[in-house]
Structure formats: structure tokens, C-alpha cells
Protein backbone atom coordinates (compact mmCIF):
# COMPACT_ATOMS: atom_id res chain seq x y z
CA UNK A 1 0.00 0.00 0.00
CA UNK A 2 1.25 3.49 -0.83
CA UNK A 3 0.95 6.39 1.60
CA UNK A 4 0.39 10.09 1.00
CA UNK A 5 1.41 12.84 3.40
CA UNK A 6 -0.49 16.12 2.98
CA UNK A 7 2.06 18.92 3.13
CA UNK A 8 0.83 21.69 0.83
CA UNK A 9 -0.93 24.03 3.27
CA UNK A 10 0.15 27.56 4.22
CA UNK A 11 -0.17 27.08 7.99
CA UNK A 12 -1.51 30.54 8.80
CA UNK A 13 -2.22 29.68 12.45
CA UNK A 14 1.45 28.88 13.00
CA UNK A 15 2.73 32.20 11.68
CA UNK A 16 5.33 33.66 11.93
CA UNK A 17 7.05 30.24 11.99
CA UNK A 18 5.44 29.22 8.72
CA UNK A 19 6.38 32.45 6.94
CA UNK A 20 9.77 30.88 6.26
CA UNK A 21 9.24 27.18 7.09
CA UNK A 22 6.58 24.84 5.64
CA UNK A 23 4.34 23.59 8.44
CA UNK A 24 5.37 19.90 8.07
CA UNK A 25 9.03 20.95 8.53
CA UNK A 26 8.35 22.65 11.87
CA UNK A 27 10.59 20.93 14.39
CA UNK A 28 9.30 19.38 17.62
CA UNK A 29 11.73 17.89 20.14
CA UNK A 30 14.55 17.89 17.62
CA UNK A 31 12.70 16.44 14.61
CA UNK A 32 10.32 17.84 12.01
CA UNK A 33 6.69 16.74 12.06
CA UNK A 34 6.94 15.06 8.68
CA UNK A 35 10.06 13.13 9.71
CA UNK A 36 8.09 11.48 12.53
CA UNK A 37 5.61 10.30 9.89
CA UNK A 38 8.28 9.05 7.50
CA UNK A 39 10.00 7.05 10.20
CA UNK A 40 6.74 5.59 11.52
CA UNK A 41 5.60 4.69 8.00
CA UNK A 42 8.93 3.03 7.21
CA UNK A 43 8.76 1.05 10.45
CA UNK A 44 5.26 -0.11 9.47
CA UNK A 45 6.52 -1.37 6.12
CA UNK A 46 5.44 1.47 3.83
CA UNK A 47 7.94 2.24 1.08
CA UNK A 48 6.16 4.28 -1.61
CA UNK A 49 5.36 7.76 -0.22
CA UNK A 50 3.70 10.62 -2.10
CA UNK A 51 3.98 14.12 -0.64
CA UNK A 52 1.94 16.99 -2.04
CA UNK A 53 3.53 20.43 -1.88
CA UNK A 54 2.67 24.05 -2.60
CA UNK A 55 3.80 26.57 0.01
CA UNK A 56 7.63 26.68 0.18
CA UNK A 57 7.71 23.42 -1.77
CA UNK A 58 11.43 23.65 -2.56
CA UNK A 59 12.31 23.50 1.14
CA UNK A 60 10.43 20.21 1.51
CA UNK A 61 12.19 18.81 -1.57
CA UNK A 62 15.58 19.91 -0.28
CA UNK A 63 15.17 18.48 3.20
CA UNK A 64 13.52 15.15 2.35
CA UNK A 65 14.98 14.42 -1.08
CA UNK A 66 14.08 11.04 -2.52
CA UNK A 67 13.38 9.58 0.93
CA UNK A 68 16.36 7.23 0.97
CA UNK A 69 17.57 8.68 4.29
CA UNK A 70 14.31 7.44 5.82
CA UNK A 71 14.13 4.06 4.12
CA UNK A 72 11.32 5.09 1.75
CA UNK A 73 10.87 6.24 -1.85
CA UNK A 74 9.32 9.73 -2.05
CA UNK A 75 7.47 11.11 -5.07
CA UNK A 76 6.18 14.67 -5.05
CA UNK A 77 2.85 15.99 -6.25
CA UNK A 78 3.55 19.69 -6.75
CA UNK A 79 0.44 21.85 -6.86
CA UNK A 80 1.75 25.38 -7.27
CA UNK A 81 -1.29 26.74 -5.44
CA UNK A 82 -2.65 24.51 -2.69
CA UNK A 83 -5.71 22.50 -3.77
CA UNK A 84 -7.03 21.81 -0.23
CA UNK A 85 -7.22 18.30 1.18
CA UNK A 86 -9.44 16.39 -1.25
CA UNK A 87 -8.20 18.42 -4.21
CA UNK A 88 -4.63 17.52 -3.37
CA UNK A 89 -5.43 13.82 -3.11
CA UNK A 90 -7.32 13.86 -6.43
CA UNK A 91 -4.39 15.60 -8.10
CA UNK A 92 -2.06 12.86 -6.82
CA UNK A 93 -4.23 9.89 -7.89
CA UNK A 94 -2.02 9.08 -10.92
CA UNK A 95 0.87 8.54 -8.48
CA UNK A 96 -1.25 6.65 -5.94
CA UNK A 97 -2.47 3.99 -8.35
CA UNK A 98 -5.58 1.81 -8.29
CA UNK A 99 -5.12 0.09 -4.94
CA UNK A 100 -6.34 1.54 -1.60
CA UNK A 101 -3.86 4.04 -0.16
CA UNK A 102 -3.16 5.67 3.18
CA UNK A 103 -3.37 9.45 3.67
CA UNK A 104 -1.90 11.24 6.70
CA UNK A 105 -2.13 14.94 7.51
CA UNK A 106 1.35 16.42 7.61
CA UNK A 107 0.53 18.75 10.50
CA UNK A 108 -0.33 16.13 13.11
CA UNK A 109 1.90 14.22 15.48
CA UNK A 110 0.90 10.71 16.54
CA UNK A 111 2.33 7.43 17.77
CA UNK A 112 -0.20 5.41 15.80
CA UNK A 113 1.11 2.08 14.46
CA UNK A 114 0.24 2.24 10.77
CA UNK A 115 0.83 -1.50 10.41
CA UNK A 116 -2.35 -2.14 12.44
CA UNK A 117 -4.66 -0.60 9.85
CA UNK A 118 -7.13 -3.15 8.50
CA UNK A 119 -7.81 -3.97 4.89
CA UNK A 120 -10.92 -2.28 3.55
CA UNK A 121 -14.00 -4.46 3.61
CA UNK A 122 -15.77 -5.10 0.31
CA UNK A 123 -18.36 -2.35 0.88
CA UNK A 124 -16.17 0.48 2.17
CA UNK A 125 -14.53 3.15 0.01
CA UNK A 126 -12.63 4.61 2.97
CA UNK A 127 -11.55 3.83 6.54
CA UNK A 128 -10.95 6.59 9.09
CA UNK A 129 -9.10 6.68 12.39
CA UNK A 130 -11.01 8.66 15.03
CA UNK A 131 -9.60 10.04 18.28
CA UNK A 132 -10.83 11.70 21.46
CA UNK A 133 -11.99 15.29 21.02
CA UNK A 134 -9.27 17.85 21.79
CA UNK A 135 -10.04 21.14 23.49
CA UNK A 136 -10.20 23.00 20.19
CA UNK A 137 -12.83 20.59 18.76
CA UNK A 138 -15.05 19.63 21.71
CA UNK A 139 -18.09 18.67 19.61
CA UNK A 140 -16.14 16.18 17.51
CA UNK A 141 -16.65 15.31 13.85
CA UNK A 142 -18.08 11.79 13.54
CA UNK A 143 -19.40 8.83 15.51
CA UNK A 144 -18.94 5.08 15.14
CA UNK A 145 -21.74 2.56 14.78
CA UNK A 146 -21.00 -1.10 14.05
CA UNK A 147 -17.55 -0.12 12.73
CA UNK A 148 -19.07 2.40 10.31
CA UNK A 149 -18.38 6.13 10.52
CA UNK A 150 -21.60 8.14 10.83
CA UNK A 151 -22.16 11.88 10.89
CA UNK A 152 -24.11 12.05 14.16
CA UNK A 153 -24.22 9.78 17.18
CA UNK A 154 -22.94 9.29 20.70
CA UNK A 155 -20.15 9.57 21.53
CA UNK A 156 -18.72 11.90 18.91
CA UNK A 157 -15.03 11.67 18.02
CA UNK A 158 -12.54 13.80 16.08
CA UNK A 159 -11.14 12.71 12.72
CA UNK A 160 -7.42 12.16 13.26
CA UNK A 161 -6.30 13.04 9.74
CA UNK A 162 -5.37 9.37 9.19
CA UNK A 163 -7.41 7.41 6.65
CA UNK A 164 -7.37 4.80 3.93
CA UNK A 165 -9.11 5.70 0.65
CA UNK A 166 -9.85 4.17 -2.72
CA UNK A 167 -9.86 5.98 -6.05
CA UNK A 168 -13.62 5.26 -6.17
CA UNK A 169 -14.07 7.47 -3.11
CA UNK A 170 -13.17 10.48 -5.29
CA UNK A 171 -14.67 9.28 -8.58
CA UNK A 172 -17.53 11.81 -8.67
CA UNK A 173 -15.35 14.79 -7.76
CA UNK A 174 -13.94 17.38 -10.15
CA UNK A 175 -10.33 18.48 -10.14
CA UNK A 176 -9.40 21.74 -8.45
CA UNK A 177 -9.53 23.06 -4.88
CA UNK A 178 -11.78 20.86 -2.74
CA UNK A 179 -12.01 20.23 1.02
CA UNK A 180 -12.22 16.64 2.23
CA UNK A 181 -14.82 16.91 5.01
CA UNK A 182 -17.91 17.34 2.74
CA UNK A 183 -16.84 14.38 0.63
CA UNK A 184 -16.46 12.23 3.73
CA UNK A 185 -19.86 13.28 5.06
CA UNK A 186 -21.59 12.38 1.80
CA UNK A 187 -19.92 8.96 1.76
CA UNK A 188 -20.89 8.41 5.41
CA UNK A 189 -24.52 9.03 4.50
CA UNK A 190 -24.18 6.26 1.93
CA UNK A 191 -22.63 3.89 4.49
CA UNK A 192 -19.36 3.64 2.60
CA UNK A 193 -16.89 4.65 5.35
CA UNK A 194 -15.61 2.24 7.99
CA UNK A 195 -13.63 3.40 10.99
CA UNK A 196 -11.86 2.71 14.23
CA UNK A 197 -11.20 4.50 17.51
CA UNK A 198 -7.64 5.21 18.66
CA UNK A 199 -6.86 6.45 22.17
CA UNK A 200 -3.07 6.75 21.90
CA UNK A 201 -0.87 9.79 21.43
CA UNK A 202 -2.18 12.31 18.90
CA UNK A 203 -1.89 16.09 18.51
CA UNK A 204 -3.17 18.44 15.82
CA UNK A 205 -0.34 20.96 15.71
CA UNK A 206 -2.52 23.85 14.62
CA UNK A 207 -1.30 26.66 16.87
CA UNK A 208 1.82 27.91 18.60
CA UNK A 209 0.36 26.86 21.96
CA UNK A 210 -0.27 23.27 20.84
CA UNK A 211 3.19 23.11 19.29
CA UNK A 212 4.78 24.21 22.57
CA UNK A 213 2.69 21.75 24.59
CA UNK A 214 3.74 18.89 22.29
CA UNK A 215 7.38 19.92 22.57
CA UNK A 216 7.15 19.82 26.35
CA UNK A 217 5.43 16.42 26.27
CA UNK A 218 7.97 14.81 23.94
CA UNK A 219 11.00 16.21 25.77
CA UNK A 220 9.66 14.77 29.04
CA UNK A 221 9.32 11.37 27.36
CA UNK A 222 12.97 11.55 26.26
CA UNK A 223 14.28 12.03 29.81
């Protein structure tokens, strides 16, 4: 299975850091966010990695290269202007191929074991990993019912930014800028999205305060 890391966004909420550094290259406890992903993916057996880029794309190319330093093979999907989450995935479909593929947000940190992801069942077009609701998203995004992701239910969980998708999941969508959440919600209504709950380490590094809290957490773990 190939994996895609979403790394094209501007990262406005992390300014001024992201004025000169792409958000996935922001360093936490001595390592960039995207390097944590690359190492975890390599450990889980993933070798083919696609990274989409837009903002400060050259810096991502220069730091990560072809991926050989991380035990993976990186291909880049350069967008010029960011196409948002679903738009970026659709743009990269020729590199991702016809088999189901993993997508991970480049601006999260997690200790999720990617090797534990299940194969998609015959009815699902996607599989999402859901986590406990952080302070900045107390209402959550989705619920789980009989291993299916549904739009409303109890309890509600937050989408982690980790998911498996098929090309069919995006078949009805046009190319161009497109957010992922509405596509997911439509597929959930059709019962085409399976899911699982994960209660391990996970942080959406979407603000300076969350970045600093994660740095403190990881440095404590290193002692």
C-alpha cells in the first residue's frame, strides 16, 4: 500500500514560523513533524510515499529528497497553489495507483502504528481513524456505529487526519480546490466509510500553543 502525506498548506495559524518554514518541517523535540511520519511509515513497512507540496515546496524537496535517508521512496505531487485536502489527493491519484492508499495529515503528530490498519472491507470506500476530542474541537466530527463512521451519534469523536481511501471514493469529484470533510460526510450518508477508535498519542499541531505543549510532552518522554 502506498501512503500520501499532505504537506501543501500555508499554515496561517502557526505564523510567523510558517512564513519561512513549511508547516510539516516545523521541528518538535529535535525532529520535524513530517520526519516522525516518515520514520513511523517506514517502520510499518510502507515504502512508496507521495507528498503533495505548494507553500515553500522547494524546502520540503531539499530536506527530504528522494526519501532514501528514511528508508522510503518519495514522489512529489507539486500543486503550485494549494488545492485543499481532497483536491490535493485527487491531483495525486495518478501517483497513488488503483489500490487503496493511506493518507496522513502532515501537520499532526501521533504514535499510531500504521501496520495495524485493516484492509478495507468489500463495501467500504474509505476507513478513518477517530480520536478523542481535543479542546479545540469539543463537539467532535463523527461517531462510530457497528464499525461504520456516521455523521451524528454518541459519543462523537474527532477525525485524526489518518485514513485509507480508494480511487472510487473520489470518482464523482472534479479536479481543483476541494475540502475533504464534505466528501467524507456524503460517503458516510451512503454507508461507505468504515472506521476505528484510537486512544493513543495524537496532537493536531494547529497553533503555537499546541506546538509548545507537544514539545514539552515529547521532551519529558525523552528524559
